Amino acid sequence: MCNTCTVRLMEIAYRRAPWFRLVREPLKGGMKLMAFILRIDPDQYDVKTAACRGCLRFYKLALKEESGLFRRLNDLLNPVFDALVAKIVTPEEMKQANEQASLAMSGQDEDRKKNSSK
């Protein structure tokens, strides 16, 4: 499902550009409110790793499946949001977030964490 680890990218963006919270948090709150109103449970999706639990991607996926209004809003706002993130996060960090998502989706990320803690 994931191509990029959103959690990792947002950690970087928040650290590098603290003002970015003022952009993202209202969008995040709106998604959670819309999911609540539509009685969408993002926990219905399989989570490959513990770090993925609570990721906003599950809200976004569920809202895209259930709400035409959300799809239209996402079509308008997501390109702007992605361009903003691309200005904050370096291409190398984006590549690392892509790799982390691939590992998480394959279940290898959990295996790697278990082995490194031994």
C-alpha atoms as a PDB file:
ATOM      1  CA  MET A   1       0.000   0.000   0.000  1.00  0.00           C
ATOM      2  CA  CYS A   2       2.698   2.534   0.954  1.00  0.00           C
ATOM      3  CA  ASN A   3       5.347   3.883  -1.348  1.00  0.00           C
ATOM      4  CA  THR A   4       6.758   6.352   1.151  1.00  0.00           C
ATOM      5  CA  CYS A   5       6.894   6.324   4.930  1.00  0.00           C
ATOM      6  CA  THR A   6       4.789   9.359   5.800  1.00  0.00           C
ATOM      7  CA  VAL A   7       5.676   9.138   9.488  1.00  0.00           C
ATOM      8  CA  ARG A   8       9.379   9.463   8.667  1.00  0.00           C
ATOM      9  CA  LEU A   9       8.860  12.335   6.216  1.00  0.00           C
ATOM     10  CA  MET A  10       6.713  14.284   8.651  1.00  0.00           C
ATOM     11  CA  GLU A  11       9.258  13.841  11.444  1.00  0.00           C
ATOM     12  CA  ILE A  12      11.889  15.353   9.154  1.00  0.00           C
ATOM     13  CA  ALA A  13       9.608  18.149   7.933  1.00  0.00           C
ATOM     14  CA  TYR A  14       8.500  19.103  11.463  1.00  0.00           C
ATOM     15  CA  ARG A  15      12.105  19.166  12.679  1.00  0.00           C
ATOM     16  CA  ARG A  16      13.436  21.139   9.720  1.00  0.00           C
ATOM     17  CA  ALA A  17      10.490  23.543   9.298  1.00  0.00           C
ATOM     18  CA  PRO A  18       8.501  23.903  12.540  1.00  0.00           C
ATOM     19  CA  TRP A  19       5.993  26.179  10.749  1.00  0.00           C
ATOM     20  CA  PHE A  20       5.007  23.167   8.620  1.00  0.00           C
ATOM     21  CA  ARG A  21       2.830  21.970  11.526  1.00  0.00           C
ATOM     22  CA  LEU A  22       0.583  24.979  10.883  1.00  0.00           C
ATOM     23  CA  VAL A  23      -0.070  23.621   7.398  1.00  0.00           C
ATOM     24  CA  ARG A  24      -0.359  19.914   8.140  1.00  0.00           C
ATOM     25  CA  GLU A  25      -2.157  19.746  11.478  1.00  0.00           C
ATOM     26  CA  PRO A  26      -5.397  21.409  10.251  1.00  0.00           C
ATOM     27  CA  LEU A  27      -5.437  19.037   7.255  1.00  0.00           C
ATOM     28  CA  LYS A  28      -4.784  16.079   9.546  1.00  0.00           C
ATOM     29  CA  GLY A  29      -7.534  17.201  11.924  1.00  0.00           C
ATOM     30  CA  GLY A  30      -9.954  17.633   9.024  1.00  0.00           C
ATOM     31  CA  MET A  31      -9.249  14.112   7.804  1.00  0.00           C
ATOM     32  CA  LYS A  32      -9.805  12.646  11.262  1.00  0.00           C
ATOM     33  CA  LEU A  33     -13.022  14.637  11.704  1.00  0.00           C
ATOM     34  CA  MET A  34     -14.309  13.561   8.291  1.00  0.00           C
ATOM     35  CA  ALA A  35     -13.482   9.924   9.108  1.00  0.00           C
ATOM     36  CA  PHE A  36     -15.339  10.258  12.422  1.00  0.00           C
ATOM     37  CA  ILE A  37     -18.407  11.808  10.774  1.00  0.00           C
ATOM     38  CA  LEU A  38     -18.479   9.109   8.094  1.00  0.00           C
ATOM     39  CA  ARG A  39     -17.900   6.402  10.745  1.00  0.00           C
ATOM     40  CA  ILE A  40     -14.753   5.218   9.030  1.00  0.00           C
ATOM     41  CA  ASP A  41     -12.475   2.965  11.053  1.00  0.00           C
ATOM     42  CA  PRO A  42      -8.905   3.135   9.728  1.00  0.00           C
ATOM     43  CA  ASP A  43      -7.981   0.249  12.055  1.00  0.00           C
ATOM     44  CA  GLN A  44      -9.756  -2.101   9.629  1.00  0.00           C
ATOM     45  CA  TYR A  45      -6.596  -2.087   7.497  1.00  0.00           C
ATOM     46  CA  ASP A  46      -3.815  -4.596   8.054  1.00  0.00           C
ATOM     47  CA  VAL A  47      -0.752  -3.046   9.638  1.00  0.00           C
ATOM     48  CA  LYS A  48       2.534  -4.719   8.742  1.00  0.00           C
ATOM     49  CA  THR A  49       4.594  -3.075  11.494  1.00  0.00           C
ATOM     50  CA  ALA A  50       3.823  -1.461  14.835  1.00  0.00           C
ATOM     51  CA  ALA A  51       5.290   1.831  13.586  1.00  0.00           C
ATOM     52  CA  CYS A  52       2.566   1.982  10.914  1.00  0.00           C
ATOM     53  CA  ARG A  53      -0.295   1.831  13.432  1.00  0.00           C
ATOM     54  CA  GLY A  54      -2.092   5.169  13.485  1.00  0.00           C
ATOM     55  CA  CYS A  55      -0.468   6.381  10.271  1.00  0.00           C
ATOM     56  CA  LEU A  56      -2.579   8.978   8.522  1.00  0.00           C
ATOM     57  CA  ARG A  57      -2.331   6.987   5.272  1.00  0.00           C
ATOM     58  CA  PHE A  58      -4.973   4.610   6.582  1.00  0.00           C
ATOM     59  CA  TYR A  59      -7.373   7.520   7.119  1.00  0.00           C
ATOM     60  CA  LYS A  60      -6.585   8.827   3.659  1.00  0.00           C
ATOM     61  CA  LEU A  61      -7.094   5.449   2.009  1.00  0.00           C
ATOM     62  CA  ALA A  62     -10.402   4.885   3.785  1.00  0.00           C
ATOM     63  CA  LEU A  63     -11.638   8.386   2.964  1.00  0.00           C
ATOM     64  CA  LYS A  64     -10.711   7.976  -0.705  1.00  0.00           C
ATOM     65  CA  GLU A  65     -12.761   4.786  -0.793  1.00  0.00           C
ATOM     66  CA  GLU A  66     -15.789   6.281   0.963  1.00  0.00           C
ATOM     67  CA  SER A  67     -16.046   9.963   0.111  1.00  0.00           C
ATOM     68  CA  GLY A  68     -16.309  11.741  -3.222  1.00  0.00           C
ATOM     69  CA  LEU A  69     -15.925  15.079  -1.442  1.00  0.00           C
ATOM     70  CA  PHE A  70     -12.648  13.921   0.084  1.00  0.00           C
ATOM     71  CA  ARG A  71     -11.383  12.703  -3.290  1.00  0.00           C
ATOM     72  CA  ARG A  72     -12.089  16.133  -4.825  1.00  0.00           C
ATOM     73  CA  LEU A  73     -10.435  17.983  -1.918  1.00  0.00           C
ATOM     74  CA  ASN A  74      -7.456  15.636  -2.071  1.00  0.00           C
ATOM     75  CA  ASP A  75      -7.106  16.190  -5.818  1.00  0.00           C
ATOM     76  CA  LEU A  76      -6.882  19.943  -5.157  1.00  0.00           C
ATOM     77  CA  LEU A  77      -4.721  20.019  -2.032  1.00  0.00           C
ATOM     78  CA  ASN A  78      -2.433  17.005  -2.317  1.00  0.00           C
ATOM     79  CA  PRO A  79      -0.273  18.311  -5.214  1.00  0.00           C
ATOM     80  CA  VAL A  80       0.343  21.551  -3.301  1.00  0.00           C
ATOM     81  CA  PHE A  81       1.101  19.648  -0.090  1.00  0.00           C
ATOM     82  CA  ASP A  82       3.486  17.261  -1.891  1.00  0.00           C
ATOM     83  CA  ALA A  83       5.329  20.163  -3.532  1.00  0.00           C
ATOM     84  CA  LEU A  84       5.744  21.815  -0.144  1.00  0.00           C
ATOM     85  CA  VAL A  85       7.114  18.616   1.399  1.00  0.00           C
ATOM     86  CA  ALA A  86       9.508  18.236  -1.547  1.00  0.00           C
ATOM     87  CA  LYS A  87      10.951  21.684  -0.744  1.00  0.00           C
ATOM     88  CA  ILE A  88      11.568  20.699   2.887  1.00  0.00           C
ATOM     89  CA  VAL A  89      12.805  17.113   2.547  1.00  0.00           C
ATOM     90  CA  THR A  90      15.913  16.276   0.519  1.00  0.00           C
ATOM     91  CA  PRO A  91      15.805  13.745  -2.339  1.00  0.00           C
ATOM     92  CA  GLU A  92      18.045  11.417  -0.289  1.00  0.00           C
ATOM     93  CA  GLU A  93      15.628  11.574   2.674  1.00  0.00           C
ATOM     94  CA  MET A  94      12.741  10.865   0.301  1.00  0.00           C
ATOM     95  CA  LYS A  95      14.616   7.848  -1.030  1.00  0.00           C
ATOM     96  CA  GLN A  96      15.201   6.592   2.529  1.00  0.00           C
ATOM     97  CA  ALA A  97      11.496   7.038   3.325  1.00  0.00           C
ATOM     98  CA  ASN A  98      10.636   5.028   0.201  1.00  0.00           C
ATOM     99  CA  GLU A  99      13.009   2.257   1.282  1.00  0.00           C
ATOM    100  CA  GLN A 100      11.584   2.277   4.802  1.00  0.00           C
ATOM    101  CA  ALA A 101       8.052   1.927   3.438  1.00  0.00           C
ATOM    102  CA  SER A 102       9.107  -0.977   1.225  1.00  0.00           C
ATOM    103  CA  LEU A 103      10.690  -2.747   4.180  1.00  0.00           C
ATOM    104  CA  ALA A 104       7.642  -2.116   6.351  1.00  0.00           C
ATOM    105  CA  MET A 105       5.237  -3.412   3.711  1.00  0.00           C
ATOM    106  CA  SER A 106       7.281  -6.590   3.284  1.00  0.00           C
ATOM    107  CA  GLY A 107       7.485  -7.109   7.044  1.00  0.00           C
ATOM    108  CA  GLN A 108      11.282  -6.893   6.923  1.00  0.00           C
ATOM    109  CA  ASP A 109      11.353  -3.694   8.971  1.00  0.00           C
ATOM    110  CA  GLU A 110      10.057  -5.510  12.068  1.00  0.00           C
ATOM    111  CA  ASP A 111      12.547  -8.350  11.507  1.00  0.00           C
ATOM    112  CA  ARG A 112      15.389  -5.822  11.192  1.00  0.00           C
ATOM    113  CA  LYS A 113      14.364  -4.082  14.441  1.00  0.00           C
ATOM    114  CA  LYS A 114      14.134  -7.383  16.318  1.00  0.00           C
ATOM    115  CA  ASN A 115      17.559  -8.508  15.102  1.00  0.00           C
ATOM    116  CA  SER A 116      19.226  -5.185  15.893  1.00  0.00           C
ATOM    117  CA  SER A 117      17.905  -5.229  19.487  1.00  0.00           C
ATOM    118  CA  LYS A 118      19.476  -8.639  20.225  1.00  0.00           C
END
